[in-house]
Amino acid sequence: MSKPTTPARQPTRADWLRYVMLIVLWGSAFSLSKISVAELPPSIITAARIWIAIGLLYGWMVYRKHKLPVLFPKPDIRWAWLLPIGITGAALPFWLNTWAMQTLDSGLVSILLACMPLMVAVLAHFSIAGDRMTANKIAGLALGLFGIILLVGPAALRGLGGPDTVAQFVILVSALLYATNSILIHFMPETPPSVSSAGMLLIAGLVLVPLAILDAGQTSMPSVGVMFAVLFLGLGVTGFGSIIYMQIIRSAGPSFMVTANYFVPPFAVFIGVLFLGESPSIWAYAALFIITLGIILERRKSK
């Protein structure tokens, strides 16, 4: 089998703007999931946020005068891409992350998910022309991961292993699924972001419906706060975020997009300062500087 030759492109100003918006949305997802999982099982949270997002995306798709790929009588080839994209980018990782967050400390989860950019670098090296692993890229990504560990606190690594080993492994699997998903999207046949996002989430929603139905009979009505958390997870993080996610990967490539993961924990700290009156330590500022330096190094071309 010949190696795909679809090249990676340099990010534009619009890509950088989407990048910042994605950081804001992903940065809020963690706390919203923590709020939701206190009263609802992972299957219901995941299915609800996905079906809420589908409603938003379908409306946006119709407004843009786009349609989902034809399914009958002869399925459009894009469904062969949307099936694995929906499973690896939403159904499995959303559910796995929510399940693992019932027992894992948020700091350790941040560190484990921050392995994703390194995974993408390896996958992109063997599949995307012009997106090779270079000394600058590896050094930059490693520096970014070190910055996350410094921000969260090295003490979080003490939680590795022990009784929560399975949950930790689940988060790493989730990171690998996200990495695989970003590569699949890069090679998917040209499709408007509203259509690819709606199709991806439709697959994911259908996969999760049986699990949600099984848990629904044993679940009480959640509080208003939890319902609002799930609503924003669906509309903002999953719906709007999916469109931005697709646009960035198609325009600038997966390696550029996934580095946003390094800025999600610092943004969470910023939210704490802005709304909770928290005061970050000098190490938080040092970590942000190191993460930024790592991304600059990663984006710099090796001579």
Protein backbone atom coordinates (compact mmCIF):
# COMPACT_ATOMS: atom_id res chain seq x y z
CA MET A 1 0.00 0.00 0.00
CA SER A 2 1.43 3.38 -0.95
CA LYS A 3 1.83 6.06 1.69
CA PRO A 4 -0.75 8.88 1.59
CA THR A 5 0.73 12.09 0.24
CA THR A 6 -1.79 14.70 1.40
CA PRO A 7 0.51 17.46 2.66
CA ALA A 8 0.26 19.40 5.90
CA ARG A 9 -0.23 23.16 5.49
CA GLN A 10 1.01 26.13 7.46
CA PRO A 11 -1.65 27.57 9.83
CA THR A 12 -3.29 30.84 8.84
CA ARG A 13 -4.49 33.65 11.12
CA ALA A 14 -7.97 32.11 10.98
CA ASP A 15 -6.48 28.80 12.14
CA TRP A 16 -4.84 30.50 15.12
CA LEU A 17 -8.13 32.18 16.04
CA ARG A 18 -9.92 28.82 15.91
CA TYR A 19 -7.07 27.37 17.96
CA VAL A 20 -7.70 29.86 20.78
CA MET A 21 -11.45 29.25 20.65
CA LEU A 22 -10.88 25.51 20.90
CA ILE A 23 -8.68 25.98 23.97
CA VAL A 24 -11.46 27.99 25.65
CA LEU A 25 -14.06 25.31 24.90
CA TRP A 26 -11.87 22.33 25.83
CA GLY A 27 -10.67 24.13 28.94
CA SER A 28 -14.25 24.35 30.23
CA ALA A 29 -15.09 20.73 29.37
CA PHE A 30 -13.14 19.22 32.23
CA SER A 31 -14.92 21.07 35.04
CA LEU A 32 -18.32 20.62 33.37
CA SER A 33 -17.75 16.86 33.16
CA LYS A 34 -16.73 16.76 36.81
CA ILE A 35 -19.95 18.55 37.79
CA SER A 36 -22.08 16.23 35.66
CA VAL A 37 -20.54 12.93 36.77
CA ALA A 38 -21.48 13.68 40.37
CA GLU A 39 -25.14 12.95 39.59
CA LEU A 40 -25.28 11.16 36.24
CA PRO A 41 -23.68 7.98 34.84
CA PRO A 42 -21.08 8.41 32.05
CA SER A 43 -23.33 6.87 29.37
CA ILE A 44 -26.13 9.40 29.92
CA ILE A 45 -23.77 12.38 30.10
CA THR A 46 -22.02 11.34 26.91
CA ALA A 47 -25.16 10.48 24.96
CA ALA A 48 -26.94 13.66 26.10
CA ARG A 49 -24.09 16.00 25.13
CA ILE A 50 -23.78 14.31 21.74
CA TRP A 51 -27.50 14.44 20.88
CA ILE A 52 -27.70 18.07 22.04
CA ALA A 53 -24.77 18.84 19.74
CA ILE A 54 -26.42 16.95 16.86
CA GLY A 55 -29.46 19.22 17.14
CA LEU A 56 -27.25 22.31 16.92
CA LEU A 57 -25.11 20.98 14.09
CA TYR A 58 -28.05 19.73 12.03
CA GLY A 59 -29.66 23.16 12.27
CA TRP A 60 -26.39 24.80 11.24
CA MET A 61 -25.99 22.33 8.38
CA VAL A 62 -29.48 23.09 7.05
CA TYR A 63 -28.85 26.84 7.41
CA ARG A 64 -25.71 26.40 5.29
CA LYS A 65 -27.83 24.47 2.75
CA HIS A 66 -25.76 21.33 3.17
CA LYS A 67 -26.95 17.74 3.46
CA LEU A 68 -25.64 14.58 5.07
CA PRO A 69 -24.03 12.12 2.61
CA VAL A 70 -26.50 9.80 0.88
CA LEU A 71 -27.05 6.53 2.75
CA PHE A 72 -29.69 4.79 0.58
CA PRO A 73 -29.85 3.09 -1.84
CA LYS A 74 -26.06 3.31 -2.33
CA PRO A 75 -24.10 4.70 0.64
CA ASP A 76 -21.77 7.62 -0.02
CA ILE A 77 -18.11 6.63 0.48
CA ARG A 78 -17.84 9.30 3.20
CA TRP A 79 -19.89 7.11 5.56
CA ALA A 80 -16.97 4.66 5.50
CA TRP A 81 -14.90 7.48 7.02
CA LEU A 82 -17.55 8.90 9.33
CA LEU A 83 -18.08 5.53 11.04
CA PRO A 84 -14.52 5.19 12.46
CA ILE A 85 -14.26 8.97 12.95
CA GLY A 86 -17.43 8.99 15.06
CA ILE A 87 -16.26 6.06 17.17
CA THR A 88 -12.67 7.26 17.72
CA GLY A 89 -13.47 10.96 18.07
CA ALA A 90 -16.62 10.96 20.19
CA ALA A 91 -18.36 7.73 21.19
CA LEU A 92 -15.48 5.88 22.83
CA PRO A 93 -13.25 8.69 24.16
CA PHE A 94 -16.15 10.75 25.54
CA TRP A 95 -17.50 7.75 27.41
CA LEU A 96 -14.08 6.47 28.55
CA ASN A 97 -12.98 9.89 29.84
CA THR A 98 -16.19 10.42 31.79
CA TRP A 99 -15.96 6.94 33.28
CA ALA A 100 -12.32 7.37 34.35
CA MET A 101 -12.97 10.81 35.87
CA GLN A 102 -15.19 9.17 38.49
CA THR A 103 -12.04 7.95 40.29
CA LEU A 104 -9.01 9.81 38.91
CA ASP A 105 -7.61 13.12 40.09
CA SER A 106 -8.05 15.85 37.50
CA GLY A 107 -4.34 16.70 37.51
CA LEU A 108 -3.29 13.17 36.59
CA VAL A 109 -5.91 13.04 33.84
CA SER A 110 -4.50 16.28 32.38
CA ILE A 111 -1.01 14.80 32.26
CA LEU A 112 -2.13 11.53 30.68
CA LEU A 113 -4.22 13.28 28.01
CA ALA A 114 -1.26 15.57 27.28
CA CYS A 115 0.49 12.52 25.77
CA MET A 116 -1.84 12.87 22.77
CA PRO A 117 0.30 15.38 20.80
CA LEU A 118 3.27 13.01 21.00
CA MET A 119 1.07 10.18 19.71
CA VAL A 120 -0.13 12.34 16.81
CA ALA A 121 3.47 13.28 15.95
CA VAL A 122 4.34 9.60 15.56
CA LEU A 123 1.22 8.77 13.52
CA ALA A 124 1.59 11.86 11.30
CA HIS A 125 5.25 11.06 10.65
CA PHE A 126 4.27 7.82 8.91
CA SER A 127 1.15 9.07 7.13
CA ILE A 128 1.27 12.77 6.25
CA ALA A 129 3.76 14.21 3.77
CA GLY A 130 5.49 17.30 5.15
CA ASP A 131 4.58 16.47 8.77
CA ARG A 132 7.73 14.64 9.74
CA MET A 133 9.14 14.20 13.22
CA THR A 134 12.02 16.63 13.60
CA ALA A 135 14.34 17.45 16.49
CA ASN A 136 12.47 20.74 17.05
CA LYS A 137 9.06 19.05 17.02
CA ILE A 138 9.99 16.30 19.47
CA ALA A 139 11.82 18.74 21.77
CA GLY A 140 8.90 21.19 21.65
CA LEU A 141 6.28 18.55 22.41
CA ALA A 142 8.38 17.10 25.24
CA LEU A 143 8.84 20.61 26.67
CA GLY A 144 5.08 21.17 26.49
CA LEU A 145 4.43 17.92 28.37
CA PHE A 146 6.97 18.95 31.01
CA GLY A 147 5.14 22.27 31.36
CA ILE A 148 1.85 20.43 32.00
CA ILE A 149 3.52 18.31 34.71
CA LEU A 150 4.97 21.46 36.29
CA LEU A 151 1.59 23.21 36.19
CA VAL A 152 -0.35 20.31 37.67
CA GLY A 153 2.43 19.46 40.11
CA PRO A 154 4.85 16.51 39.95
CA ALA A 155 3.06 15.08 43.00
CA ALA A 156 0.20 14.10 40.67
CA LEU A 157 2.48 11.47 39.14
CA ARG A 158 2.52 9.64 42.46
CA GLY A 159 -0.97 8.50 41.59
CA LEU A 160 0.33 6.39 38.71
CA GLY A 161 -0.37 2.71 39.18
CA GLY A 162 -2.13 1.42 42.27
CA PRO A 163 -5.86 0.68 42.45
CA ASP A 164 -6.70 3.13 39.65
CA THR A 165 -4.36 1.60 37.06
CA VAL A 166 -7.26 0.54 34.83
CA ALA A 167 -8.73 4.05 34.79
CA GLN A 168 -5.29 5.50 33.97
CA PHE A 169 -4.87 3.04 31.11
CA VAL A 170 -8.34 4.03 29.87
CA ILE A 171 -7.28 7.68 29.65
CA LEU A 172 -4.19 6.72 27.62
CA VAL A 173 -6.39 4.66 25.29
CA SER A 174 -8.66 7.68 24.95
CA ALA A 175 -5.66 9.87 24.02
CA LEU A 176 -4.65 7.33 21.36
CA LEU A 177 -8.20 7.30 19.99
CA TYR A 178 -8.19 11.10 19.69
CA ALA A 179 -4.81 10.95 17.96
CA THR A 180 -6.05 8.35 15.48
CA ASN A 181 -9.20 10.39 14.89
CA SER A 182 -7.24 13.50 13.92
CA ILE A 183 -5.31 11.54 11.29
CA LEU A 184 -8.49 10.00 9.86
CA ILE A 185 -10.13 13.43 9.55
CA HIS A 186 -7.10 14.76 7.69
CA PHE A 187 -7.54 12.14 4.95
CA MET A 188 -11.33 12.15 4.80
CA PRO A 189 -12.76 13.17 1.38
CA GLU A 190 -13.53 16.88 1.16
CA THR A 191 -16.64 17.56 3.25
CA PRO A 192 -18.04 20.81 4.76
CA PRO A 193 -17.19 20.97 8.50
CA SER A 194 -20.89 21.24 9.42
CA VAL A 195 -21.62 17.98 7.57
CA SER A 196 -18.58 16.05 8.82
CA SER A 197 -19.23 17.17 12.41
CA ALA A 198 -22.93 16.24 12.27
CA GLY A 199 -22.18 12.90 10.63
CA MET A 200 -19.44 12.05 13.12
CA LEU A 201 -21.67 12.81 16.11
CA LEU A 202 -24.68 11.02 14.59
CA ILE A 203 -22.62 7.82 14.45
CA ALA A 204 -21.41 8.37 18.01
CA GLY A 205 -24.91 9.11 19.29
CA LEU A 206 -26.36 5.94 17.78
CA VAL A 207 -23.57 3.86 19.29
CA LEU A 208 -24.21 5.25 22.78
CA VAL A 209 -28.03 5.11 22.84
CA PRO A 210 -28.23 1.46 24.06
CA LEU A 211 -25.87 2.18 27.00
CA ALA A 212 -27.80 5.30 27.97
CA ILE A 213 -31.13 3.45 27.88
CA LEU A 214 -29.76 0.72 30.16
CA ASP A 215 -28.64 3.30 32.75
CA ALA A 216 -31.67 5.61 32.45
CA GLY A 217 -33.95 3.35 34.48
CA GLN A 218 -31.61 3.54 37.49
CA THR A 219 -30.91 7.28 37.34
CA SER A 220 -32.74 10.03 39.24
CA MET A 221 -33.55 13.45 37.81
CA PRO A 222 -30.38 15.61 38.08
CA SER A 223 -30.22 19.08 39.60
CA VAL A 224 -30.62 22.22 37.50
CA GLY A 225 -26.89 22.93 37.76
CA VAL A 226 -25.99 19.54 36.32
CA MET A 227 -28.53 19.93 33.51
CA PHE A 228 -26.97 23.27 32.56
CA ALA A 229 -23.49 21.69 32.67
CA VAL A 230 -24.59 18.94 30.26
CA LEU A 231 -26.35 21.51 28.05
CA PHE A 232 -23.18 23.57 27.66
CA LEU A 233 -21.13 20.42 27.11
CA GLY A 234 -23.46 19.66 24.21
CA LEU A 235 -23.92 23.09 22.64
CA GLY A 236 -20.51 24.64 23.23
CA VAL A 237 -17.85 22.03 23.80
CA THR A 238 -19.23 19.26 21.58
CA GLY A 239 -21.31 21.11 18.97
CA PHE A 240 -19.41 24.30 18.26
CA GLY A 241 -16.12 22.67 19.26
CA SER A 242 -16.55 19.88 16.69
CA ILE A 243 -16.92 22.36 13.84
CA ILE A 244 -13.76 24.23 14.89
CA TYR A 245 -11.92 20.94 15.38
CA MET A 246 -12.78 19.77 11.85
CA GLN A 247 -11.86 23.13 10.32
CA ILE A 248 -8.43 23.23 11.97
CA ILE A 249 -7.46 19.68 10.98
CA ARG A 250 -8.58 20.15 7.38
CA SER A 251 -6.82 23.49 7.08
CA ALA A 252 -3.61 23.20 9.12
CA GLY A 253 -3.27 19.49 9.90
CA PRO A 254 -3.58 17.37 13.05
CA SER A 255 -0.12 18.15 14.47
CA PHE A 256 -0.99 21.84 14.76
CA MET A 257 -4.44 21.19 16.23
CA VAL A 258 -3.43 18.78 18.99
CA THR A 259 -0.93 21.16 20.60
CA ALA A 260 -4.01 23.00 21.89
CA ASN A 261 -4.19 20.23 24.50
CA TYR A 262 -1.15 21.75 26.22
CA PHE A 263 -2.97 25.05 26.83
CA VAL A 264 -6.16 23.52 28.26
CA PRO A 265 -4.83 23.11 31.86
CA PRO A 266 -3.39 26.67 31.95
CA PHE A 267 -6.75 27.98 30.76
CA ALA A 268 -8.43 26.06 33.57
CA VAL A 269 -6.12 27.88 36.00
CA PHE A 270 -7.07 31.20 34.38
CA ILE A 271 -10.77 30.37 34.87
CA GLY A 272 -10.07 29.78 38.55
CA VAL A 273 -8.38 33.19 38.84
CA LEU A 274 -11.14 34.98 36.93
CA PHE A 275 -14.21 33.47 38.57
CA LEU A 276 -13.06 31.85 41.82
CA GLY A 277 -10.59 34.43 43.07
CA GLU A 278 -7.73 31.93 43.07
CA SER A 279 -4.13 33.11 43.08
CA PRO A 280 -1.77 31.08 40.86
CA SER A 281 1.71 30.32 42.16
CA ILE A 282 4.94 31.36 40.48
CA TRP A 283 5.15 27.78 39.17
CA ALA A 284 1.93 28.26 37.22
CA TYR A 285 3.42 31.24 35.39
CA ALA A 286 6.66 29.32 34.81
CA ALA A 287 4.67 26.38 33.43
CA LEU A 288 2.74 28.63 31.01
CA PHE A 289 6.04 30.11 29.79
CA ILE A 290 7.52 26.64 29.26
CA ILE A 291 4.43 25.39 27.42
CA THR A 292 4.44 28.45 25.14
CA LEU A 293 8.16 28.03 24.49
CA GLY A 294 7.57 24.38 23.65
CA ILE A 295 4.85 25.21 21.09
CA ILE A 296 7.05 27.88 19.49
CA LEU A 297 9.87 25.34 19.22
CA GLU A 298 7.49 22.71 17.83
CA ARG A 299 6.25 25.07 15.11
CA ARG A 300 9.78 26.18 14.16
CA LYS A 301 11.14 24.42 11.10
CA SER A 302 14.37 22.47 11.53
CA LYS A 303 17.17 23.65 9.29
